[in-house]
Protein backbone atom coordinates (compact mmCIF):
# COMPACT_ATOMS: atom_id res chain seq x y z
CA MET A 1 -17.38 -28.89 -8.33
CA PHE A 2 -14.62 -26.39 -9.06
CA SER A 3 -16.98 -24.07 -10.95
CA ARG A 4 -19.30 -24.01 -7.91
CA GLN A 5 -16.33 -23.08 -5.70
CA ILE A 6 -15.40 -20.24 -8.02
CA ALA A 7 -19.00 -19.00 -8.08
CA LEU A 8 -19.18 -19.07 -4.28
CA ALA A 9 -15.88 -17.20 -3.93
CA LEU A 10 -17.02 -14.51 -6.35
CA LEU A 11 -20.33 -14.16 -4.50
CA LEU A 12 -18.56 -13.73 -1.19
CA SER A 13 -16.18 -11.21 -2.76
CA SER A 14 -19.16 -9.17 -3.87
CA LEU A 15 -20.35 -8.96 -0.26
CA VAL A 16 -17.49 -6.61 0.66
CA SER A 17 -19.14 -3.29 1.45
CA ALA A 18 -18.36 -0.15 -0.52
CA ALA A 19 -17.49 1.38 2.85
CA ASP A 20 -14.75 -1.17 3.49
CA TRP A 21 -11.05 -0.36 3.28
CA ALA A 22 -10.03 -3.93 2.56
CA GLN A 23 -6.62 -3.39 1.01
CA TRP A 24 -3.59 -1.11 0.92
CA ARG A 25 -4.67 2.51 0.20
CA GLY A 26 -8.36 1.69 -0.01
CA PRO A 27 -10.90 0.25 -2.47
CA ALA A 28 -9.11 1.37 -5.66
CA ARG A 29 -5.61 1.47 -4.12
CA THR A 30 -5.53 5.24 -4.81
CA GLY A 31 -6.00 6.61 -1.28
CA HIS A 32 -9.47 7.96 -2.19
CA VAL A 33 -12.58 7.51 -0.07
CA PRO A 34 -15.29 6.34 -2.52
CA SER A 35 -17.87 8.88 -3.59
CA GLY A 36 -20.98 8.83 -1.42
CA GLU A 37 -19.25 7.66 1.74
CA PRO A 38 -19.61 9.92 4.82
CA ILE A 39 -16.55 12.13 5.29
CA PRO A 40 -15.61 14.84 7.79
CA THR A 41 -15.30 18.44 6.62
CA THR A 42 -13.05 19.39 9.52
CA LEU A 43 -11.22 17.70 12.39
CA PRO A 44 -12.28 17.61 16.05
CA SER A 45 -10.04 19.58 18.40
CA GLU A 46 -9.70 16.41 20.50
CA PRO A 47 -9.69 12.96 18.90
CA ARG A 48 -12.76 10.85 19.73
CA ILE A 49 -11.23 7.47 20.51
CA VAL A 50 -13.79 4.65 20.14
CA TRP A 51 -11.35 1.97 21.33
CA ARG A 52 -7.66 1.33 21.64
CA LEU A 53 -5.63 -1.76 22.43
CA ALA A 54 -2.01 -2.76 22.82
CA VAL A 55 -0.29 -4.42 19.85
CA GLY A 56 3.16 -5.74 19.03
CA ASP A 57 5.85 -4.14 16.86
CA GLY A 58 5.57 -3.84 13.11
CA PHE A 59 4.83 -1.59 10.15
CA SER A 60 1.79 -3.39 8.76
CA SER A 61 -1.18 -1.11 8.16
CA PRO A 62 -4.66 -2.20 9.29
CA VAL A 63 -7.53 -2.91 6.88
CA VAL A 64 -11.28 -3.06 7.50
CA ALA A 65 -13.78 -5.42 5.88
CA ASN A 66 -17.22 -6.74 6.82
CA GLY A 67 -17.08 -5.28 10.32
CA ARG A 68 -13.61 -6.65 11.10
CA VAL A 69 -10.17 -5.11 11.41
CA PHE A 70 -7.14 -7.11 10.28
CA HIS A 71 -3.47 -6.44 10.81
CA LEU A 72 -0.06 -8.04 11.31
CA GLU A 73 2.28 -7.55 14.25
CA ASN A 74 5.29 -9.08 15.94
CA GLN A 75 4.96 -11.28 19.02
CA GLU A 76 8.23 -12.56 20.48
CA THR A 77 9.83 -14.42 17.53
CA GLN A 78 6.76 -14.63 15.27
CA GLU A 79 4.89 -12.39 12.86
CA VAL A 80 1.23 -12.83 13.76
CA ALA A 81 -2.04 -12.05 11.96
CA ARG A 82 -4.87 -10.77 14.15
CA ALA A 83 -8.55 -9.96 13.59
CA PHE A 84 -10.73 -7.68 15.72
CA ASP A 85 -14.34 -6.59 15.87
CA ALA A 86 -14.38 -3.16 14.20
CA ALA A 87 -17.07 -1.79 16.56
CA THR A 88 -15.53 -2.84 19.87
CA GLY A 89 -11.90 -3.81 19.28
CA LYS A 90 -12.54 -7.28 20.71
CA GLU A 91 -10.04 -9.83 19.40
CA LEU A 92 -11.66 -12.50 17.23
CA TRP A 93 -8.59 -14.60 16.41
CA SER A 94 -4.80 -14.57 16.28
CA LYS A 95 -2.60 -16.79 14.09
CA PRO A 96 1.22 -17.06 13.80
CA VAL A 97 2.39 -16.60 10.20
CA PHE A 98 6.20 -16.91 10.12
CA SER A 99 9.41 -16.13 11.99
CA SER A 100 10.26 -12.48 12.61
CA HIS A 101 12.31 -10.16 10.43
CA LYS A 102 14.50 -7.54 12.14
CA ASP A 103 16.68 -4.75 10.75
CA GLY A 104 17.79 -1.21 11.53
CA PHE A 105 14.24 0.10 11.21
CA GLY A 106 12.84 -2.34 13.78
CA ILE A 107 11.26 -5.75 14.08
CA GLY A 108 8.09 -7.21 12.65
CA PRO A 109 5.95 -7.41 9.50
CA ARG A 110 5.86 -4.73 6.80
CA CYS A 111 3.02 -5.87 4.55
CA THR A 112 -0.62 -4.76 4.74
CA PRO A 113 -3.19 -7.61 4.66
CA LEU A 114 -5.70 -7.96 1.83
CA VAL A 115 -9.30 -9.11 2.41
CA ASP A 116 -11.46 -10.53 -0.36
CA GLY A 117 -14.81 -12.04 0.59
CA ASP A 118 -14.24 -14.83 3.12
CA ARG A 119 -10.46 -14.87 2.60
CA ALA A 120 -7.66 -12.77 4.07
CA TYR A 121 -4.23 -12.78 2.42
CA VAL A 122 -1.18 -12.07 4.59
CA GLN A 123 2.50 -11.84 3.76
CA SER A 124 5.46 -12.01 6.12
CA ALA A 125 8.63 -9.98 5.66
CA LYS A 126 10.58 -13.18 4.93
CA GLY A 127 8.25 -14.13 2.07
CA GLU A 128 5.68 -16.47 3.59
CA PHE A 129 2.36 -15.88 1.82
CA GLN A 130 -0.85 -17.30 3.29
CA CYS A 131 -4.55 -17.34 2.50
CA LEU A 132 -6.58 -17.46 5.72
CA ASN A 133 -10.24 -17.96 6.49
CA VAL A 134 -11.74 -14.63 7.62
CA ALA A 135 -14.02 -16.32 10.16
CA ASP A 136 -11.36 -18.02 12.28
CA GLY A 137 -7.93 -17.48 10.70
CA ALA A 138 -7.64 -21.11 9.58
CA LEU A 139 -5.06 -21.71 6.86
CA VAL A 140 -6.59 -22.26 3.40
CA TRP A 141 -3.36 -22.38 1.36
CA ARG A 142 0.19 -21.09 1.52
CA LYS A 143 3.26 -20.36 -0.61
CA ASN A 144 6.81 -19.45 0.33
CA PHE A 145 8.79 -17.14 -1.92
CA VAL A 146 12.15 -18.71 -1.01
CA ASP A 147 11.22 -22.40 -0.88
CA ASP A 148 8.71 -22.47 -3.74
CA PHE A 149 10.16 -19.92 -6.19
CA GLY A 150 13.85 -19.49 -5.36
CA ALA A 151 13.58 -15.90 -4.13
CA VAL A 152 16.46 -14.67 -2.02
CA TYR A 153 16.02 -13.37 1.52
CA THR A 154 19.27 -11.94 2.91
CA GLY A 155 18.28 -9.44 5.54
CA GLU A 156 20.14 -6.22 6.21
CA LYS A 157 23.55 -7.45 5.05
CA GLY A 158 26.15 -6.21 2.60
CA LYS A 159 24.75 -4.94 -0.66
CA ALA A 160 21.45 -6.84 -0.49
CA ALA A 161 18.80 -4.71 -2.20
CA GLY A 162 15.06 -4.30 -2.14
CA ALA A 163 12.82 -6.83 -0.45
CA SER A 164 15.73 -9.23 0.09
CA ARG A 165 17.19 -6.62 2.45
CA HIS A 166 14.28 -5.11 4.44
CA GLY A 167 11.61 -7.72 3.79
CA ALA A 168 8.63 -8.26 1.52
CA THR A 169 6.49 -5.15 1.83
CA GLY A 170 4.36 -4.56 -1.28
CA SER A 171 0.81 -5.66 -0.47
CA PRO A 172 -0.77 -8.17 -2.90
CA LEU A 173 -3.46 -7.22 -5.41
CA ILE A 174 -6.75 -8.92 -6.32
CA ASP A 175 -7.76 -9.05 -9.98
CA GLY A 176 -10.88 -11.09 -10.60
CA GLU A 177 -10.17 -14.72 -9.73
CA ASN A 178 -6.45 -14.10 -9.17
CA VAL A 179 -4.26 -12.60 -6.48
CA ILE A 180 -1.15 -10.93 -7.88
CA VAL A 181 1.91 -11.10 -5.63
CA GLN A 182 5.41 -9.61 -5.85
CA VAL A 183 7.46 -12.73 -5.14
CA GLY A 184 10.83 -11.28 -6.19
CA SER A 185 12.46 -14.39 -7.67
CA ALA A 186 15.14 -13.96 -10.36
CA GLN A 187 14.06 -17.34 -11.74
CA GLY A 188 11.20 -16.01 -13.84
CA ALA A 189 8.91 -15.32 -10.89
CA SER A 190 9.36 -11.69 -9.94
CA ILE A 191 5.58 -11.27 -10.12
CA VAL A 192 3.23 -14.24 -9.73
CA ALA A 193 -0.53 -14.53 -10.18
CA PHE A 194 -2.11 -17.23 -8.02
CA ARG A 195 -5.65 -18.51 -8.37
CA LYS A 196 -7.03 -16.95 -5.25
CA ILE A 197 -9.28 -19.85 -4.30
CA ASP A 198 -6.58 -22.55 -4.10
CA GLY A 199 -3.14 -20.97 -4.74
CA GLU A 200 -2.48 -22.60 -8.12
CA VAL A 201 -0.03 -20.59 -10.25
CA VAL A 202 -1.85 -18.88 -13.15
CA TRP A 203 1.22 -17.10 -14.50
CA LYS A 204 4.66 -15.89 -13.41
CA SER A 205 6.81 -13.24 -15.01
CA GLN A 206 10.16 -11.40 -15.01
CA ASN A 207 13.39 -11.72 -13.03
CA ASP A 208 13.45 -8.47 -11.03
CA GLN A 209 14.25 -8.23 -7.36
CA THR A 210 11.14 -6.62 -5.95
CA ALA A 211 11.38 -3.49 -3.84
CA TYR A 212 8.91 -2.14 -1.26
CA ALA A 213 6.21 -0.53 -3.41
CA ALA A 214 2.84 -2.23 -3.79
CA PRO A 215 1.62 -3.14 -7.30
CA PHE A 216 -1.11 -1.03 -8.87
CA LEU A 217 -3.72 -1.96 -11.48
CA SER A 218 -4.68 0.76 -13.94
CA THR A 219 -5.87 1.32 -17.51
CA ILE A 220 -3.37 3.42 -19.46
CA ALA A 221 -3.36 3.97 -23.22
CA GLY A 222 -6.52 1.89 -23.37
CA GLN A 223 -5.01 -1.24 -21.82
CA ARG A 224 -5.34 -2.68 -18.32
CA GLN A 225 -1.92 -3.23 -16.78
CA VAL A 226 -0.27 -4.11 -13.50
CA LEU A 227 2.38 -1.55 -12.57
CA SER A 228 5.23 -2.68 -10.34
CA PHE A 229 8.07 -0.46 -9.10
CA THR A 230 10.78 -3.07 -8.65
CA SER A 231 14.36 -2.58 -7.45
CA GLU A 232 15.41 -2.26 -11.07
CA ALA A 233 12.63 -0.62 -13.04
CA LEU A 234 9.05 0.52 -13.38
CA ILE A 235 7.38 -2.29 -15.30
CA ALA A 236 3.90 -3.04 -16.60
CA LEU A 237 2.48 -6.53 -17.05
CA SER A 238 -0.72 -7.85 -18.57
CA PRO A 239 -2.95 -9.02 -15.69
CA VAL A 240 -4.26 -11.79 -17.97
CA ASP A 241 -1.04 -13.68 -18.67
CA GLY A 242 1.83 -11.71 -17.10
CA LYS A 243 3.25 -10.62 -20.47
CA LEU A 244 5.67 -7.69 -20.19
CA LEU A 245 4.01 -4.65 -21.74
CA TRP A 246 6.82 -2.18 -21.12
CA ARG A 247 9.83 -1.47 -18.90
CA VAL A 248 11.62 1.74 -17.89
CA PRO A 249 14.90 1.03 -16.01
CA LEU A 250 15.13 2.96 -12.71
CA GLU A 251 17.96 1.87 -10.43
CA THR A 252 19.10 3.39 -7.13
CA ALA A 253 21.40 2.35 -4.29
CA LEU A 254 20.01 -0.71 -2.50
CA GLY A 255 16.79 -0.58 -4.53
CA ARG A 256 14.93 1.58 -2.05
CA HIS A 257 11.77 2.11 -4.09
CA VAL A 258 8.77 2.56 -1.81
CA THR A 259 6.06 4.66 -3.46
CA THR A 260 3.07 2.88 -4.95
CA PRO A 261 2.77 3.78 -8.66
CA THR A 262 0.02 6.21 -9.61
CA ALA A 263 -1.54 7.05 -12.97
CA TRP A 264 -2.93 10.15 -14.67
CA GLN A 265 -4.19 10.09 -18.26
CA ASP A 266 -1.36 8.44 -20.27
CA LEU A 267 1.24 8.81 -17.51
CA ALA A 268 2.44 6.36 -14.88
CA MET A 269 4.20 8.08 -11.98
CA VAL A 270 6.60 6.99 -9.24
CA GLY A 271 9.01 8.68 -6.86
CA SER A 272 12.26 7.76 -5.15
CA HIS A 273 14.65 9.52 -2.79
CA GLN A 274 17.49 9.43 -5.36
CA ILE A 275 15.88 9.63 -8.79
CA GLY A 276 13.20 12.16 -7.89
CA MET A 277 9.61 12.04 -9.10
CA ILE A 278 9.16 10.65 -12.61
CA GLY A 279 6.32 10.68 -15.11
CA VAL A 280 6.42 7.89 -17.70
CA ARG A 281 4.33 8.37 -20.83
CA VAL A 282 2.69 5.17 -22.14
CA GLN A 283 1.54 5.04 -25.76
CA LYS A 284 0.25 2.54 -28.28
CA ASP A 285 3.02 1.18 -30.48
CA GLY A 286 1.67 -1.05 -33.23
CA GLU A 287 -0.05 -3.94 -31.49
CA GLY A 288 1.77 -3.24 -28.25
CA LEU A 289 2.76 -0.35 -25.98
CA SER A 290 5.85 1.79 -25.56
CA ALA A 291 6.92 3.87 -22.59
CA LYS A 292 9.51 6.56 -21.95
CA GLU A 293 10.22 9.20 -19.33
CA ALA A 294 8.17 12.32 -19.98
CA TRP A 295 9.52 14.37 -17.08
CA THR A 296 11.67 14.15 -13.94
CA ASN A 297 11.74 16.47 -10.94
CA LYS A 298 14.36 15.79 -8.27
CA LYS A 299 12.98 18.58 -6.08
CA ALA A 300 9.80 16.53 -5.82
CA ALA A 301 11.62 13.34 -4.79
CA MET A 302 9.37 11.22 -2.59
CA ASN A 303 10.93 8.75 -0.21
CA PHE A 304 8.66 6.61 1.98
CA THR A 305 5.25 8.19 1.34
CA SER A 306 3.00 7.22 -1.57
CA PRO A 307 1.33 10.28 -3.12
CA VAL A 308 -2.30 10.79 -4.14
CA VAL A 309 -3.69 12.17 -7.39
CA VAL A 310 -6.56 14.68 -7.25
CA GLY A 311 -7.69 16.19 -10.52
CA ASP A 312 -4.61 17.15 -12.51
CA HIS A 313 -2.23 17.30 -9.55
CA VAL A 314 -0.26 14.99 -7.30
CA TYR A 315 0.09 15.62 -3.55
CA GLY A 316 2.91 14.12 -1.51
CA ILE A 317 5.85 14.68 0.83
CA GLY A 318 9.03 16.11 -0.65
CA PRO A 319 12.69 15.76 0.38
CA ALA A 320 12.59 18.85 2.62
CA LYS A 321 9.92 17.28 4.87
CA ASN A 322 7.50 19.50 2.97
CA VAL A 323 4.02 18.89 1.63
CA ILE A 324 4.10 19.43 -2.13
CA CYS A 325 1.60 19.77 -4.97
CA VAL A 326 2.93 18.72 -8.38
CA ALA A 327 1.33 19.20 -11.80
CA ALA A 328 0.88 15.74 -13.28
CA ALA A 329 1.25 16.98 -16.85
CA ASN A 330 4.83 18.23 -16.53
CA GLY A 331 6.07 17.47 -13.00
CA GLU A 332 6.40 21.13 -12.01
CA ILE A 333 5.78 22.02 -8.36
CA ALA A 334 2.59 24.08 -8.06
CA TRP A 335 3.27 24.84 -4.39
CA GLU A 336 5.21 23.53 -1.43
CA LYS A 337 4.69 24.07 2.28
CA THR A 338 7.21 23.47 5.03
CA GLY A 339 6.30 23.28 8.72
CA VAL A 340 3.18 21.18 8.15
CA ILE A 341 4.92 18.07 9.46
CA GLN A 342 6.27 18.46 13.00
CA THR A 343 9.08 15.92 13.26
CA SER A 344 12.63 15.84 14.55
CA ALA A 345 13.55 12.90 12.31
CA ASP A 346 15.88 13.36 9.36
CA ARG A 347 13.13 12.13 7.03
CA SER A 348 9.35 12.35 6.95
CA VAL A 349 6.83 9.55 6.56
CA GLY A 350 3.14 10.19 6.13
CA ALA A 351 -0.08 8.80 4.73
CA PHE A 352 -2.65 10.61 2.59
CA ILE A 353 -6.38 9.93 2.27
CA VAL A 354 -8.45 11.95 -0.21
CA MET A 355 -11.82 12.92 1.27
CA GLY A 356 -13.83 14.74 -1.36
CA SER A 357 -12.26 18.15 -1.94
CA ASN A 358 -9.94 17.75 1.05
CA ILE A 359 -6.93 15.61 1.89
CA LEU A 360 -6.25 14.02 5.28
CA LEU A 361 -2.60 13.56 6.20
CA LEU A 362 -1.41 11.34 9.04
CA THR A 363 2.13 12.43 9.89
CA ASP A 364 4.85 10.24 11.37
CA SER A 365 4.43 12.04 14.71
CA GLY A 366 0.81 10.84 14.91
CA GLU A 367 -0.83 14.13 13.99
CA LEU A 368 -3.82 14.35 11.65
CA VAL A 369 -3.79 17.35 9.31
CA MET A 370 -6.62 18.21 6.92
CA PHE A 371 -5.96 20.57 4.02
CA ALA A 372 -7.72 21.55 0.81
CA ALA A 373 -6.90 19.69 -2.40
CA ASP A 374 -6.26 23.03 -4.06
CA PRO A 375 -3.47 23.37 -6.65
CA LYS A 376 -3.36 27.13 -6.12
CA GLU A 377 -2.23 27.16 -2.49
CA TYR A 378 -1.89 25.23 0.74
CA ARG A 379 -4.98 25.86 2.89
CA GLU A 380 -5.10 24.06 6.22
CA ILE A 381 -8.54 23.17 7.56
CA GLY A 382 -7.68 21.52 10.85
CA ARG A 383 -5.30 19.35 12.82
CA THR A 384 -5.34 17.16 15.89
CA GLN A 385 -2.90 14.87 17.67
CA VAL A 386 -4.29 11.35 17.45
CA SER A 387 -1.52 8.85 18.24
CA GLY A 388 2.15 8.29 18.92
CA LYS A 389 4.84 7.83 16.27
CA THR A 390 3.61 5.88 13.26
CA TRP A 391 4.81 4.79 9.83
CA CYS A 392 1.57 3.01 8.93
CA ASN A 393 -1.22 4.05 6.60
CA PRO A 394 -4.63 4.26 8.29
CA ALA A 395 -7.84 2.62 7.04
CA TYR A 396 -11.09 4.57 6.78
CA ALA A 397 -14.63 3.16 6.91
CA ASP A 398 -18.01 4.61 7.93
CA GLY A 399 -16.50 7.79 9.33
CA ARG A 400 -13.95 5.97 11.48
CA LEU A 401 -10.20 5.91 11.09
CA TYR A 402 -8.30 2.76 12.06
CA LEU A 403 -4.60 3.28 12.67
CA ARG A 404 -1.68 1.95 14.62
CA ASP A 405 1.37 3.53 16.19
CA GLU A 406 4.35 1.94 17.90
CA ARG A 407 2.25 0.57 20.78
CA GLU A 408 -1.46 0.63 19.99
CA LEU A 409 -4.17 -0.04 17.44
CA LEU A 410 -6.84 2.66 17.58
CA CYS A 411 -10.30 3.38 16.22
CA VAL A 412 -11.02 7.12 15.95
CA ASP A 413 -14.41 8.59 15.06
CA LEU A 414 -14.01 11.58 12.72
CA LEU A 415 -17.72 12.39 12.28
CA PRO A 416 -20.04 14.26 14.64
CA ARG A 417 -22.55 11.73 15.98
């Protein structure tokens, strides 16, 4: 019986379209639109809004799968998961997940949903993790980081660091039959792999307090590994059994580590507002792996925005509210451009999507900017105001961008039709 359930789940997982943006930062969690998908070569002077609807507070990014849009928002005292028809914006279902988290940044959920076949996985800021049925939002299974694993949720108090302070943020990761989740327990369950079909624990590992960065699965030095930027370190685990492959300590005040790890050749890369941007070289060491810092560039420090890798360069937002291009090999800044992001805030938040030879940037003021992925110079191709203030990454599928600002969820057509 169980084997038939597994087979069915894997079949349904395979039905997810290549055009879907079913998880944080897209199909490969790299911010890249898959090759062969339709992409714009410029931006319309006026955004073509397909639909828009009012939503509650929150910082959860939308995802798109099998013709549906999923996101999390705050309603009164609850964090709520909602599903909509991607073509029309019609609500299909709405389900309360857990009580609301509130801090100095605002109220509501922080974590982007994950869709895999007929299941959607949602995570509240206070550490409630649920597997829901895509069709109607019915609960399939649930876990609670605090009650089930001894994780600590403090809220914005005292010296509380990482996810215990501002809430669970890093979106979960699917690997085969497992869903890998940053639980954040110091009782041997910092990272936990659940069997995605029924929530049984496959493995659990480490004692780190998790931060805000999502985990990333990559092959480096010939070995598949799960990278996690915790409040205390950049670590790599085996996705098979959770074994620690390597650890590089990286500590900052209050564990504010937000950027999703990226990889280039034998380097794993992360950025933080205090430690700068760091390249960690991973090498074979006997039967295992070793890792050490290869380079650090504090002028390329990235705060809230996860960068993208195109070719041999990394594109992101630097500490001067500037768009920067960094050589992956040595961390040197190839170019930097101020004035791209029009914001009066003391920090800049943005989201990058790689579209072929161009990069689309959604700024925190709700402006779309397209520029060339050219390591020689910044070349702007177009820009258009598309929404109000936003700190959420958009999803892209079939030429349409799905995004949310402080008040609305929008579908914007970027292709001439």
